PDB file of N, CA and C in Angstrom:
ATOM      1  N   MET A   1     -19.005  14.077  34.086  1.00  0.00           N
ATOM      2  CA  MET A   1     -18.878  13.056  33.329  1.00  0.00           C
ATOM      3  C   MET A   1     -20.446  12.909  32.939  1.00  0.00           C
ATOM      4  N   SER A   2     -20.888  12.634  31.543  1.00  0.00           N
ATOM      5  CA  SER A   2     -22.287  12.275  31.084  1.00  0.00           C
ATOM      6  C   SER A   2     -22.460  10.573  30.675  1.00  0.00           C
ATOM      7  N   ARG A   3     -23.445  10.533  31.226  1.00  0.00           N
ATOM      8  CA  ARG A   3     -23.884   9.157  30.948  1.00  0.00           C
ATOM      9  C   ARG A   3     -24.565   9.022  29.375  1.00  0.00           C
ATOM     10  N   PRO A   4     -24.589   8.090  28.839  1.00  0.00           N
ATOM     11  CA  PRO A   4     -25.405   7.603  27.696  1.00  0.00           C
ATOM     12  C   PRO A   4     -26.995   7.581  28.100  1.00  0.00           C
ATOM     13  N   GLN A   5     -27.738   8.118  27.279  1.00  0.00           N
ATOM     14  CA  GLN A   5     -29.093   8.066  27.462  1.00  0.00           C
ATOM     15  C   GLN A   5     -29.745   6.874  27.484  1.00  0.00           C
ATOM     16  N   SER A   6     -30.496   6.360  28.099  1.00  0.00           N
ATOM     17  CA  SER A   6     -31.222   4.975  27.890  1.00  0.00           C
ATOM     18  C   SER A   6     -32.068   5.149  26.820  1.00  0.00           C
ATOM     19  N   GLY A   7     -31.825   4.139  26.184  1.00  0.00           N
ATOM     20  CA  GLY A   7     -32.714   3.736  24.701  1.00  0.00           C
ATOM     21  C   GLY A   7     -32.219   4.611  23.762  1.00  0.00           C
ATOM     22  N   SER A   8     -30.897   5.233  23.690  1.00  0.00           N
ATOM     23  CA  SER A   8     -29.938   5.925  22.531  1.00  0.00           C
ATOM     24  C   SER A   8     -29.386   4.677  21.765  1.00  0.00           C
ATOM     25  N   ALA A   9     -29.137   4.961  20.778  1.00  0.00           N
ATOM     26  CA  ALA A   9     -28.395   3.824  20.208  1.00  0.00           C
ATOM     27  C   ALA A   9     -27.210   4.727  19.264  1.00  0.00           C
ATOM     28  N   VAL A  10     -25.999   4.005  19.359  1.00  0.00           N
ATOM     29  CA  VAL A  10     -25.239   4.726  18.482  1.00  0.00           C
ATOM     30  C   VAL A  10     -24.608   3.470  17.315  1.00  0.00           C
ATOM     31  N   SER A  11     -24.656   4.139  16.258  1.00  0.00           N
ATOM     32  CA  SER A  11     -24.074   2.743  15.058  1.00  0.00           C
ATOM     33  C   SER A  11     -23.033   2.944  14.931  1.00  0.00           C
ATOM     34  N   THR A  12     -22.008   1.796  14.704  1.00  0.00           N
ATOM     35  CA  THR A  12     -20.545   2.009  14.757  1.00  0.00           C
ATOM     36  C   THR A  12     -20.260   1.620  13.541  1.00  0.00           C
ATOM     37  N   THR A  13     -21.564   1.237  12.593  1.00  0.00           N
ATOM     38  CA  THR A  13     -21.011   0.584  11.092  1.00  0.00           C
ATOM     39  C   THR A  13     -21.133   1.650  10.285  1.00  0.00           C
ATOM     40  N   ALA A  14     -20.729   2.108   9.081  1.00  0.00           N
ATOM     41  CA  ALA A  14     -20.729   2.834   8.267  1.00  0.00           C
ATOM     42  C   ALA A  14     -21.822   2.315   7.519  1.00  0.00           C
ATOM     43  N   ARG A  15     -22.695   3.083   7.073  1.00  0.00           N
ATOM     44  CA  ARG A  15     -23.919   2.877   6.085  1.00  0.00           C
ATOM     45  C   ARG A  15     -23.367   3.414   4.907  1.00  0.00           C
ATOM     46  N   PRO A  16     -23.830   2.160   3.955  1.00  0.00           N
ATOM     47  CA  PRO A  16     -23.408   2.533   2.205  1.00  0.00           C
ATOM     48  C   PRO A  16     -24.299   3.878   2.040  1.00  0.00           C
ATOM     49  N   TYR A  17     -23.663   4.386   0.825  1.00  0.00           N
ATOM     50  CA  TYR A  17     -24.474   5.521   0.064  1.00  0.00           C
ATOM     51  C   TYR A  17     -25.975   4.870  -0.550  1.00  0.00           C
ATOM     52  N   SER A  18     -26.637   5.536  -1.078  1.00  0.00           N
ATOM     53  CA  SER A  18     -27.586   4.971  -2.013  1.00  0.00           C
ATOM     54  C   SER A  18     -26.473   5.175  -3.241  1.00  0.00           C
ATOM     55  N   PRO A  19     -26.863   4.365  -4.025  1.00  0.00           N
ATOM     56  CA  PRO A  19     -25.966   4.859  -5.510  1.00  0.00           C
ATOM     57  C   PRO A  19     -26.569   5.690  -6.249  1.00  0.00           C
ATOM     58  N   ALA A  20     -27.671   5.933  -5.989  1.00  0.00           N
ATOM     59  CA  ALA A  20     -28.124   7.224  -6.848  1.00  0.00           C
ATOM     60  C   ALA A  20     -27.820   8.452  -6.036  1.00  0.00           C
ATOM     61  N   ALA A  21     -27.364   8.689  -4.809  1.00  0.00           N
ATOM     62  CA  ALA A  21     -27.140   9.761  -4.145  1.00  0.00           C
ATOM     63  C   ALA A  21     -25.458   9.938  -3.941  1.00  0.00           C
ATOM     64  N   ALA A  22     -24.879   9.023  -4.300  1.00  0.00           N
ATOM     65  CA  ALA A  22     -23.166   9.018  -4.121  1.00  0.00           C
ATOM     66  C   ALA A  22     -22.851  10.394  -4.948  1.00  0.00           C
ATOM     67  N   ASP A  23     -22.170  11.053  -4.284  1.00  0.00           N
ATOM     68  CA  ASP A  23     -21.585  12.232  -4.901  1.00  0.00           C
ATOM     69  C   ASP A  23     -20.142  11.910  -5.393  1.00  0.00           C
ATOM     70  N   PRO A  24     -19.976  12.419  -6.643  1.00  0.00           N
ATOM     71  CA  PRO A  24     -18.556  12.095  -7.369  1.00  0.00           C
ATOM     72  C   PRO A  24     -17.390  12.506  -6.289  1.00  0.00           C
ATOM     73  N   ALA A  25     -17.574  13.548  -5.522  1.00  0.00           N
ATOM     74  CA  ALA A  25     -16.469  14.255  -4.984  1.00  0.00           C
ATOM     75  C   ALA A  25     -16.142  13.109  -3.528  1.00  0.00           C
ATOM     76  N   ASP A  26     -17.225  12.641  -3.130  1.00  0.00           N
ATOM     77  CA  ASP A  26     -16.963  11.649  -2.051  1.00  0.00           C
ATOM     78  C   ASP A  26     -16.342  10.324  -2.569  1.00  0.00           C
ATOM     79  N   VAL A  27     -16.612   9.587  -3.811  1.00  0.00           N
ATOM     80  CA  VAL A  27     -16.245   8.725  -4.862  1.00  0.00           C
ATOM     81  C   VAL A  27     -14.467   8.820  -4.821  1.00  0.00           C
ATOM     82  N   ALA A  28     -14.707  10.275  -5.343  1.00  0.00           N
ATOM     83  CA  ALA A  28     -12.815  10.846  -5.902  1.00  0.00           C
ATOM     84  C   ALA A  28     -12.009  10.389  -4.401  1.00  0.00           C
ATOM     85  N   ARG A  29     -12.768  11.185  -3.302  1.00  0.00           N
ATOM     86  CA  ARG A  29     -11.847  11.118  -1.724  1.00  0.00           C
ATOM     87  C   ARG A  29     -11.720   9.744  -1.789  1.00  0.00           C
ATOM     88  N   ILE A  30     -12.719   8.813  -1.769  1.00  0.00           N
ATOM     89  CA  ILE A  30     -12.384   7.456  -1.450  1.00  0.00           C
ATOM     90  C   ILE A  30     -11.371   6.660  -2.433  1.00  0.00           C
ATOM     91  N   ALA A  31     -11.531   7.072  -3.588  1.00  0.00           N
ATOM     92  CA  ALA A  31     -10.351   6.564  -4.542  1.00  0.00           C
ATOM     93  C   ALA A  31      -9.101   6.817  -4.266  1.00  0.00           C
ATOM     94  N   VAL A  32      -8.704   8.102  -4.213  1.00  0.00           N
ATOM     95  CA  VAL A  32      -7.648   8.771  -3.827  1.00  0.00           C
ATOM     96  C   VAL A  32      -6.948   7.812  -2.670  1.00  0.00           C
ATOM     97  N   ASP A  33      -7.687   7.697  -1.471  1.00  0.00           N
ATOM     98  CA  ASP A  33      -7.389   7.123  -0.255  1.00  0.00           C
ATOM     99  C   ASP A  33      -7.029   5.815  -0.454  1.00  0.00           C
ATOM    100  N   ALA A  34      -7.934   4.957  -1.275  1.00  0.00           N
ATOM    101  CA  ALA A  34      -7.567   3.616  -1.101  1.00  0.00           C
ATOM    102  C   ALA A  34      -6.146   3.453  -2.095  1.00  0.00           C
ATOM    103  N   ALA A  35      -5.991   4.134  -3.253  1.00  0.00           N
ATOM    104  CA  ALA A  35      -4.974   4.106  -4.030  1.00  0.00           C
ATOM    105  C   ALA A  35      -3.558   4.464  -3.148  1.00  0.00           C
ATOM    106  N   GLY A  36      -3.557   5.729  -2.521  1.00  0.00           N
ATOM    107  CA  GLY A  36      -2.456   5.982  -1.672  1.00  0.00           C
ATOM    108  C   GLY A  36      -1.894   4.889  -0.844  1.00  0.00           C
ATOM    109  N   ARG A  37      -2.698   3.804  -0.254  1.00  0.00           N
ATOM    110  CA  ARG A  37      -2.486   2.916   0.513  1.00  0.00           C
ATOM    111  C   ARG A  37      -1.768   1.765  -0.384  1.00  0.00           C
ATOM    112  N   VAL A  38      -1.782   1.703  -1.675  1.00  0.00           N
ATOM    113  CA  VAL A  38      -1.041   0.708  -2.199  1.00  0.00           C
ATOM    114  C   VAL A  38       0.429   0.560  -2.057  1.00  0.00           C
ATOM    115  N   PRO A  39       1.220  -0.373  -1.537  1.00  0.00           N
ATOM    116  CA  PRO A  39       2.727  -0.297  -1.575  1.00  0.00           C
ATOM    117  C   PRO A  39       3.252   0.131  -2.940  1.00  0.00           C
ATOM    118  N   GLY A  40       4.070   0.893  -2.743  1.00  0.00           N
ATOM    119  CA  GLY A  40       4.742   1.633  -4.128  1.00  0.00           C
ATOM    120  C   GLY A  40       4.417   2.842  -4.621  1.00  0.00           C
ATOM    121  N   VAL A  41       3.287   3.166  -4.159  1.00  0.00           N
ATOM    122  CA  VAL A  41       2.286   4.622  -4.788  1.00  0.00           C
ATOM    123  C   VAL A  41       2.826   5.742  -3.552  1.00  0.00           C
ATOM    124  N   SER A  42       3.292   6.595  -4.308  1.00  0.00           N
ATOM    125  CA  SER A  42       4.124   7.814  -3.759  1.00  0.00           C
ATOM    126  C   SER A  42       3.413   8.738  -3.550  1.00  0.00           C
ATOM    127  N   ASP A  43       2.564   9.009  -4.728  1.00  0.00           N
ATOM    128  CA  ASP A  43       1.540  10.512  -4.664  1.00  0.00           C
ATOM    129  C   ASP A  43       0.522   9.944  -5.614  1.00  0.00           C
ATOM    130  N   VAL A  44      -0.584  10.108  -5.458  1.00  0.00           N
ATOM    131  CA  VAL A  44      -1.820  10.092  -6.115  1.00  0.00           C
ATOM    132  C   VAL A  44      -2.529  11.756  -6.155  1.00  0.00           C
ATOM    133  N   ARG A  45      -2.901  11.999  -7.613  1.00  0.00           N
ATOM    134  CA  ARG A  45      -3.580  13.180  -7.855  1.00  0.00           C
ATOM    135  C   ARG A  45      -4.910  12.759  -8.096  1.00  0.00           C
ATOM    136  N   PRO A  46      -5.527  13.940  -7.677  1.00  0.00           N
ATOM    137  CA  PRO A  46      -7.100  13.660  -7.501  1.00  0.00           C
ATOM    138  C   PRO A  46      -7.814  13.058  -8.513  1.00  0.00           C
ATOM    139  N   ALA A  47      -8.614  12.028  -8.023  1.00  0.00           N
ATOM    140  CA  ALA A  47      -9.454  11.637  -9.213  1.00  0.00           C
ATOM    141  C   ALA A  47     -10.513  12.062 -10.033  1.00  0.00           C
ATOM    142  N   THR A  48     -10.719  11.779 -11.204  1.00  0.00           N
ATOM    143  CA  THR A  48     -11.906  12.115 -12.043  1.00  0.00           C
ATOM    144  C   THR A  48     -12.742  11.023 -12.143  1.00  0.00           C
ATOM    145  N   VAL A  49     -14.127  11.262 -11.505  1.00  0.00           N
ATOM    146  CA  VAL A  49     -14.999  10.283 -11.138  1.00  0.00           C
ATOM    147  C   VAL A  49     -16.007  10.501 -12.137  1.00  0.00           C
ATOM    148  N   ARG A  50     -16.348   9.467 -13.336  1.00  0.00           N
ATOM    149  CA  ARG A  50     -18.051   9.654 -14.345  1.00  0.00           C
ATOM    150  C   ARG A  50     -18.817   9.055 -13.849  1.00  0.00           C
ATOM    151  N   PRO A  51     -19.714   9.460 -13.221  1.00  0.00           N
ATOM    152  CA  PRO A  51     -21.123   8.210 -12.761  1.00  0.00           C
ATOM    153  C   PRO A  51     -21.671   7.959 -13.884  1.00  0.00           C
ATOM    154  N   ASP A  52     -22.582   7.207 -13.804  1.00  0.00           N
ATOM    155  CA  ASP A  52     -23.891   6.788 -14.564  1.00  0.00           C
ATOM    156  C   ASP A  52     -24.938   6.235 -13.758  1.00  0.00           C
ATOM    157  N   ASP A  53     -26.013   5.423 -14.480  1.00  0.00           N
ATOM    158  CA  ASP A  53     -26.957   5.481 -13.334  1.00  0.00           C
ATOM    159  C   ASP A  53     -26.785   4.364 -12.152  1.00  0.00           C
ATOM    160  N   ARG A  54     -25.889   3.599 -12.640  1.00  0.00           N
ATOM    161  CA  ARG A  54     -25.609   2.204 -11.617  1.00  0.00           C
ATOM    162  C   ARG A  54     -24.088   1.827 -11.311  1.00  0.00           C
ATOM    163  N   SER A  55     -23.247   2.821 -11.895  1.00  0.00           N
ATOM    164  CA  SER A  55     -21.767   2.660 -11.936  1.00  0.00           C
ATOM    165  C   SER A  55     -21.006   3.712 -12.073  1.00  0.00           C
ATOM    166  N   VAL A  56     -19.860   3.880 -11.684  1.00  0.00           N
ATOM    167  CA  VAL A  56     -18.737   4.693 -12.215  1.00  0.00           C
ATOM    168  C   VAL A  56     -17.689   4.303 -12.709  1.00  0.00           C
ATOM    169  N   THR A  57     -16.891   5.160 -13.403  1.00  0.00           N
ATOM    170  CA  THR A  57     -15.710   5.085 -14.043  1.00  0.00           C
ATOM    171  C   THR A  57     -14.473   5.918 -13.165  1.00  0.00           C
ATOM    172  N   VAL A  58     -13.653   5.273 -12.606  1.00  0.00           N
ATOM    173  CA  VAL A  58     -12.393   6.344 -12.028  1.00  0.00           C
ATOM    174  C   VAL A  58     -11.388   6.418 -12.881  1.00  0.00           C
ATOM    175  N   ASP A  59     -10.606   7.623 -12.739  1.00  0.00           N
ATOM    176  CA  ASP A  59      -9.476   7.563 -13.428  1.00  0.00           C
ATOM    177  C   ASP A  59      -8.470   8.413 -12.529  1.00  0.00           C
ATOM    178  N   LEU A  60      -7.558   7.780 -12.462  1.00  0.00           N
ATOM    179  CA  LEU A  60      -6.246   8.096 -11.353  1.00  0.00           C
ATOM    180  C   LEU A  60      -4.986   8.689 -12.085  1.00  0.00           C
ATOM    181  N   ARG A  61      -4.146   9.135 -11.403  1.00  0.00           N
ATOM    182  CA  ARG A  61      -2.925   9.841 -12.129  1.00  0.00           C
ATOM    183  C   ARG A  61      -1.967   9.463 -10.690  1.00  0.00           C
ATOM    184  N   LEU A  62      -0.904   8.708 -10.738  1.00  0.00           N
ATOM    185  CA  LEU A  62      -0.117   8.249  -9.750  1.00  0.00           C
ATOM    186  C   LEU A  62       1.321   8.608  -9.998  1.00  0.00           C
ATOM    187  N   ILE A  63       2.425   8.670  -9.242  1.00  0.00           N
ATOM    188  CA  ILE A  63       3.559   8.608  -8.969  1.00  0.00           C
ATOM    189  C   ILE A  63       3.868   7.228  -8.118  1.00  0.00           C
ATOM    190  N   ILE A  64       4.612   6.590  -9.025  1.00  0.00           N
ATOM    191  CA  ILE A  64       5.601   5.206  -8.104  1.00  0.00           C
ATOM    192  C   ILE A  64       6.358   5.402  -7.733  1.00  0.00           C
ATOM    193  N   ARG A  65       6.987   4.842  -6.982  1.00  0.00           N
ATOM    194  CA  ARG A  65       8.507   4.851  -6.179  1.00  0.00           C
ATOM    195  C   ARG A  65       9.214   3.744  -7.146  1.00  0.00           C
ATOM    196  N   TYR A  66      10.462   4.083  -7.546  1.00  0.00           N
ATOM    197  CA  TYR A  66      11.454   3.509  -7.693  1.00  0.00           C
ATOM    198  C   TYR A  66      11.523   2.077  -7.251  1.00  0.00           C
ATOM    199  N   GLY A  67      11.776   0.821  -7.900  1.00  0.00           N
ATOM    200  CA  GLY A  67      12.061  -0.414  -7.399  1.00  0.00           C
ATOM    201  C   GLY A  67      10.498  -1.251  -7.296  1.00  0.00           C
ATOM    202  N   HIS A  68       9.591  -0.571  -7.337  1.00  0.00           N
ATOM    203  CA  HIS A  68       8.399  -1.310  -7.645  1.00  0.00           C
ATOM    204  C   HIS A  68       7.945  -1.529  -9.011  1.00  0.00           C
ATOM    205  N   SER A  69       7.391  -2.941  -9.201  1.00  0.00           N
ATOM    206  CA  SER A  69       6.872  -3.002 -10.522  1.00  0.00           C
ATOM    207  C   SER A  69       6.053  -2.227 -11.022  1.00  0.00           C
ATOM    208  N   VAL A  70       5.890  -1.286 -12.101  1.00  0.00           N
ATOM    209  CA  VAL A  70       4.640  -0.243 -12.349  1.00  0.00           C
ATOM    210  C   VAL A  70       3.528  -1.289 -13.017  1.00  0.00           C
ATOM    211  N   PRO A  71       3.379  -2.296 -13.712  1.00  0.00           N
ATOM    212  CA  PRO A  71       2.315  -3.019 -13.841  1.00  0.00           C
ATOM    213  C   PRO A  71       1.530  -3.733 -12.577  1.00  0.00           C
ATOM    214  N   ALA A  72       2.465  -4.431 -11.829  1.00  0.00           N
ATOM    215  CA  ALA A  72       1.859  -4.584 -10.668  1.00  0.00           C
ATOM    216  C   ALA A  72       1.451  -3.831  -9.779  1.00  0.00           C
ATOM    217  N   VAL A  73       1.865  -2.553  -9.664  1.00  0.00           N
ATOM    218  CA  VAL A  73       1.246  -1.523  -8.489  1.00  0.00           C
ATOM    219  C   VAL A  73      -0.246  -1.037  -9.425  1.00  0.00           C
ATOM    220  N   ALA A  74      -0.159  -0.653 -10.957  1.00  0.00           N
ATOM    221  CA  ALA A  74      -1.250  -0.395 -11.298  1.00  0.00           C
ATOM    222  C   ALA A  74      -2.367  -1.114 -11.067  1.00  0.00           C
ATOM    223  N   GLU A  75      -1.830  -2.727 -11.142  1.00  0.00           N
ATOM    224  CA  GLU A  75      -3.064  -3.657 -10.685  1.00  0.00           C
ATOM    225  C   GLU A  75      -3.591  -3.852  -9.436  1.00  0.00           C
ATOM    226  N   ALA A  76      -2.693  -3.501  -8.728  1.00  0.00           N
ATOM    227  CA  ALA A  76      -2.988  -3.506  -7.508  1.00  0.00           C
ATOM    228  C   ALA A  76      -3.830  -2.054  -7.042  1.00  0.00           C
ATOM    229  N   VAL A  77      -3.684  -0.984  -7.554  1.00  0.00           N
ATOM    230  CA  VAL A  77      -4.316   0.153  -7.494  1.00  0.00           C
ATOM    231  C   VAL A  77      -5.826  -0.277  -8.056  1.00  0.00           C
ATOM    232  N   ARG A  78      -6.046  -0.724  -9.463  1.00  0.00           N
ATOM    233  CA  ARG A  78      -7.088  -1.042  -9.595  1.00  0.00           C
ATOM    234  C   ARG A  78      -8.103  -1.727  -8.773  1.00  0.00           C
ATOM    235  N   THR A  79      -7.472  -2.632  -8.112  1.00  0.00           N
ATOM    236  CA  THR A  79      -8.205  -3.730  -7.638  1.00  0.00           C
ATOM    237  C   THR A  79      -8.590  -2.926  -6.277  1.00  0.00           C
ATOM    238  N   ALA A  80      -7.874  -2.217  -5.609  1.00  0.00           N
ATOM    239  CA  ALA A  80      -8.058  -1.740  -4.441  1.00  0.00           C
ATOM    240  C   ALA A  80      -9.173  -0.363  -4.587  1.00  0.00           C
ATOM    241  N   VAL A  81      -8.842   0.332  -5.439  1.00  0.00           N
ATOM    242  CA  VAL A  81      -9.997   1.317  -5.723  1.00  0.00           C
ATOM    243  C   VAL A  81     -11.616   0.818  -5.904  1.00  0.00           C
ATOM    244  N   ALA A  82     -11.516  -0.224  -6.991  1.00  0.00           N
ATOM    245  CA  ALA A  82     -12.597  -0.817  -7.239  1.00  0.00           C
ATOM    246  C   ALA A  82     -13.283  -1.711  -6.205  1.00  0.00           C
ATOM    247  N   ASP A  83     -12.474  -2.310  -5.008  1.00  0.00           N
ATOM    248  CA  ASP A  83     -13.397  -3.003  -4.015  1.00  0.00           C
ATOM    249  C   ASP A  83     -13.567  -1.908  -3.060  1.00  0.00           C
ATOM    250  N   ARG A  84     -12.641  -0.821  -2.572  1.00  0.00           N
ATOM    251  CA  ARG A  84     -13.290   0.219  -2.052  1.00  0.00           C
ATOM    252  C   ARG A  84     -14.158   0.874  -2.184  1.00  0.00           C
ATOM    253  N   VAL A  85     -14.191   1.463  -3.267  1.00  0.00           N
ATOM    254  CA  VAL A  85     -15.283   2.133  -3.794  1.00  0.00           C
ATOM    255  C   VAL A  85     -16.547   1.508  -3.915  1.00  0.00           C
ATOM    256  N   ALA A  86     -16.813   0.449  -4.263  1.00  0.00           N
ATOM    257  CA  ALA A  86     -17.798  -0.499  -4.260  1.00  0.00           C
ATOM    258  C   ALA A  86     -18.624  -0.834  -2.611  1.00  0.00           C
ATOM    259  N   ALA A  87     -17.446  -0.754  -1.731  1.00  0.00           N
ATOM    260  CA  ALA A  87     -17.964  -0.944  -0.392  1.00  0.00           C
ATOM    261  C   ALA A  87     -18.284  -0.239   0.315  1.00  0.00           C
ATOM    262  N   ASP A  88     -17.817   0.793   0.015  1.00  0.00           N
ATOM    263  CA  ASP A  88     -18.140   2.221   0.633  1.00  0.00           C
ATOM    264  C   ASP A  88     -19.251   2.856   0.116  1.00  0.00           C
ATOM    265  N   THR A  89     -19.713   2.621  -1.204  1.00  0.00           N
ATOM    266  CA  THR A  89     -20.960   3.459  -1.837  1.00  0.00           C
ATOM    267  C   THR A  89     -21.889   2.701  -2.340  1.00  0.00           C
ATOM    268  N   GLY A  90     -21.608   1.397  -2.202  1.00  0.00           N
ATOM    269  CA  GLY A  90     -22.756   0.344  -3.219  1.00  0.00           C
ATOM    270  C   GLY A  90     -22.623   0.829  -4.321  1.00  0.00           C
ATOM    271  N   LEU A  91     -21.638   1.521  -5.258  1.00  0.00           N
ATOM    272  CA  LEU A  91     -21.925   1.573  -6.365  1.00  0.00           C
ATOM    273  C   LEU A  91     -20.982   0.756  -7.477  1.00  0.00           C
ATOM    274  N   ALA A  92     -21.620   0.055  -8.298  1.00  0.00           N
ATOM    275  CA  ALA A  92     -20.654  -1.039  -8.953  1.00  0.00           C
ATOM    276  C   ALA A  92     -19.493   0.053  -9.672  1.00  0.00           C
ATOM    277  N   VAL A  93     -18.366  -0.732 -10.008  1.00  0.00           N
ATOM    278  CA  VAL A  93     -17.245  -0.119 -10.496  1.00  0.00           C
ATOM    279  C   VAL A  93     -17.002  -0.408 -12.089  1.00  0.00           C
ATOM    280  N   ALA A  94     -17.229   0.257 -12.987  1.00  0.00           N
ATOM    281  CA  ALA A  94     -17.002   0.109 -14.197  1.00  0.00           C
ATOM    282  C   ALA A  94     -15.996  -0.281 -14.649  1.00  0.00           C
ATOM    283  N   SER A  95     -14.792   0.632 -14.688  1.00  0.00           N
ATOM    284  CA  SER A  95     -13.547   0.463 -14.722  1.00  0.00           C
ATOM    285  C   SER A  95     -12.581   1.672 -13.522  1.00  0.00           C
ATOM    286  N   VAL A  96     -11.638   1.224 -13.516  1.00  0.00           N
ATOM    287  CA  VAL A  96     -10.300   2.413 -12.864  1.00  0.00           C
ATOM    288  C   VAL A  96      -9.318   2.137 -13.942  1.00  0.00           C
ATOM    289  N   THR A  97      -9.200   3.331 -14.262  1.00  0.00           N
ATOM    290  CA  THR A  97      -7.721   3.665 -15.156  1.00  0.00           C
ATOM    291  C   THR A  97      -6.431   4.401 -14.509  1.00  0.00           C
ATOM    292  N   VAL A  98      -5.670   3.851 -14.763  1.00  0.00           N
ATOM    293  CA  VAL A  98      -4.685   4.296 -13.890  1.00  0.00           C
ATOM    294  C   VAL A  98      -3.493   4.802 -15.056  1.00  0.00           C
ATOM    295  N   THR A  99      -2.931   5.907 -14.760  1.00  0.00           N
ATOM    296  CA  THR A  99      -1.969   6.701 -15.640  1.00  0.00           C
ATOM    297  C   THR A  99      -0.767   6.920 -14.386  1.00  0.00           C
ATOM    298  N   VAL A 100       0.222   6.467 -14.976  1.00  0.00           N
ATOM    299  CA  VAL A 100       1.662   6.628 -14.325  1.00  0.00           C
ATOM    300  C   VAL A 100       2.182   8.034 -14.709  1.00  0.00           C
ATOM    301  N   ASP A 101       2.342   9.000 -13.838  1.00  0.00           N
ATOM    302  CA  ASP A 101       2.848  10.412 -14.559  1.00  0.00           C
ATOM    303  C   ASP A 101       4.309  10.137 -14.469  1.00  0.00           C
ATOM    304  N   ASP A 102       4.982   9.630 -13.238  1.00  0.00           N
ATOM    305  CA  ASP A 102       6.149  10.004 -12.912  1.00  0.00           C
ATOM    306  C   ASP A 102       6.628   8.618 -12.301  1.00  0.00           C
ATOM    307  N   LEU A 103       7.987   8.319 -12.042  1.00  0.00           N
ATOM    308  CA  LEU A 103       8.436   7.322 -11.299  1.00  0.00           C
ATOM    309  C   LEU A 103       9.579   8.010 -10.438  1.00  0.00           C
ATOM    310  N   LEU A 104       9.139   8.064  -9.112  1.00  0.00           N
ATOM    311  CA  LEU A 104      10.111   8.631  -8.181  1.00  0.00           C
ATOM    312  C   LEU A 104      11.275   8.013  -7.746  1.00  0.00           C
ATOM    313  N   VAL A 105      12.287   8.547  -7.978  1.00  0.00           N
ATOM    314  CA  VAL A 105      13.655   7.875  -7.586  1.00  0.00           C
ATOM    315  C   VAL A 105      14.261   8.631  -6.395  1.00  0.00           C
ATOM    316  N   PRO A 106      14.523   7.637  -5.287  1.00  0.00           N
ATOM    317  CA  PRO A 106      14.939   8.137  -3.931  1.00  0.00           C
ATOM    318  C   PRO A 106      16.330   8.629  -3.968  1.00  0.00           C
ATOM    319  N   GLY A 107      16.626   9.762  -3.626  1.00  0.00           N
ATOM    320  CA  GLY A 107      18.017  10.763  -3.557  1.00  0.00           C
ATOM    321  C   GLY A 107      18.068  11.262  -5.012  1.00  0.00           C
ATOM    322  N   VAL A 108      17.190  11.307  -5.951  1.00  0.00           N
ATOM    323  CA  VAL A 108      17.403  11.736  -7.343  1.00  0.00           C
ATOM    324  C   VAL A 108      16.356  13.203  -7.398  1.00  0.00           C
ATOM    325  N   ASP A 109      14.888  12.425  -6.915  1.00  0.00           N
ATOM    326  CA  ASP A 109      13.607  12.990  -7.352  1.00  0.00           C
ATOM    327  C   ASP A 109      13.069  13.685  -5.772  1.00  0.00           C
ATOM    328  N   THR A 110      12.379  14.743  -5.992  1.00  0.00           N
ATOM    329  CA  THR A 110      11.661  15.196  -4.676  1.00  0.00           C
ATOM    330  C   THR A 110      10.109  15.251  -5.374  1.00  0.00           C
ATOM    331  N   LEU A 111       9.128  15.706  -4.599  1.00  0.00           N
ATOM    332  CA  LEU A 111       7.828  15.539  -5.149  1.00  0.00           C
ATOM    333  C   LEU A 111       7.779  17.022  -4.973  1.00  0.00           C
ATOM    334  N   GLY A 112       7.564  17.515  -6.228  1.00  0.00           N
ATOM    335  CA  GLY A 112       7.296  19.176  -6.575  1.00  0.00           C
ATOM    336  C   GLY A 112       6.205  19.762  -5.712  1.00  0.00           C
ATOM    337  N   ALA A 113       6.602  21.080  -5.988  1.00  0.00           N
ATOM    338  CA  ALA A 113       5.086  21.989  -5.472  1.00  0.00           C
ATOM    339  C   ALA A 113       3.942  21.333  -6.243  1.00  0.00           C
ATOM    340  N   ALA A 114       4.035  21.393  -7.605  1.00  0.00           N
ATOM    341  CA  ALA A 114       3.073  21.175  -8.667  1.00  0.00           C
ATOM    342  C   ALA A 114       2.204  20.072  -7.939  1.00  0.00           C
ATOM    343  N   THR A 115       2.551  18.908  -7.541  1.00  0.00           N
ATOM    344  CA  THR A 115       2.084  17.611  -7.177  1.00  0.00           C
ATOM    345  C   THR A 115       0.950  17.977  -5.603  1.00  0.00           C
ATOM    346  N   THR A 116      -0.097  17.313  -5.838  1.00  0.00           N
ATOM    347  CA  THR A 116      -1.102  17.682  -5.032  1.00  0.00           C
ATOM    348  C   THR A 116      -1.006  16.188  -4.240  1.00  0.00           C
ATOM    349  N   ARG A 117      -0.575  16.446  -2.878  1.00  0.00           N
ATOM    350  CA  ARG A 117      -0.554  15.360  -1.925  1.00  0.00           C
ATOM    351  C   ARG A 117      -1.670  14.329  -1.938  1.00  0.00           C
ATOM    352  N   ARG A 118      -1.279  13.209  -1.559  1.00  0.00           N
ATOM    353  CA  ARG A 118      -2.646  12.378  -0.848  1.00  0.00           C
ATOM    354  C   ARG A 118      -3.273  12.738   0.093  1.00  0.00           C
ATOM    355  N   ALA A 119      -4.374  12.496   0.147  1.00  0.00           N
ATOM    356  CA  ALA A 119      -5.157  12.983   1.371  1.00  0.00           C
ATOM    357  C   ALA A 119      -4.772  12.054   2.761  1.00  0.00           C
ATOM    358  N   GLU A 120      -4.678  12.894   4.121  1.00  0.00           N
ATOM    359  CA  GLU A 120      -4.170  12.156   4.879  1.00  0.00           C
ATOM    360  C   GLU A 120      -5.758  11.883   5.705  1.00  0.00           C
ATOM    361  N   ASP A 121      -5.778  10.692   6.610  1.00  0.00           N
ATOM    362  CA  ASP A 121      -6.702  10.428   7.285  1.00  0.00           C
ATOM    363  C   ASP A 121      -6.804  11.302   8.548  1.00  0.00           C
TER     364      ASP A 121
END
C-alpha cells in the first residue's frame, strides 16, 4: 500500500474552463448530460453548440415521455442546461433551443436504432 507523498496536494474541486478555451464538444457533452437528467426526458440527441467570444448557444433535440408536460420539460431542460454549462465552463449561455422530436408512449413506442442514446456517467 502506498502512502501519499508529503507536500503533494490533490484538488477535489473541478476547475472551470477558461471561456476562451472551452471546447464545443465538451460543452455539448455537458449539455446532453444535464438535459438527460431532467424528469420526463427519455432521450437526448447530441447537442449543437455555437460559441462566440463570451457565450454559447446550445440546440438540443429531445424525446419526451408521455404523461409529462412538454412545455414544462422543455423549460426545465433550458434551465438545467444553462445552469450546468455556466457552472462547469464559466461561459455565459446566450440561449438554449429545445426541439421535441417525439413523444415516447410506453407500451406503444420504443427507441429505435436511429436514436442516439444519452451519455451515461
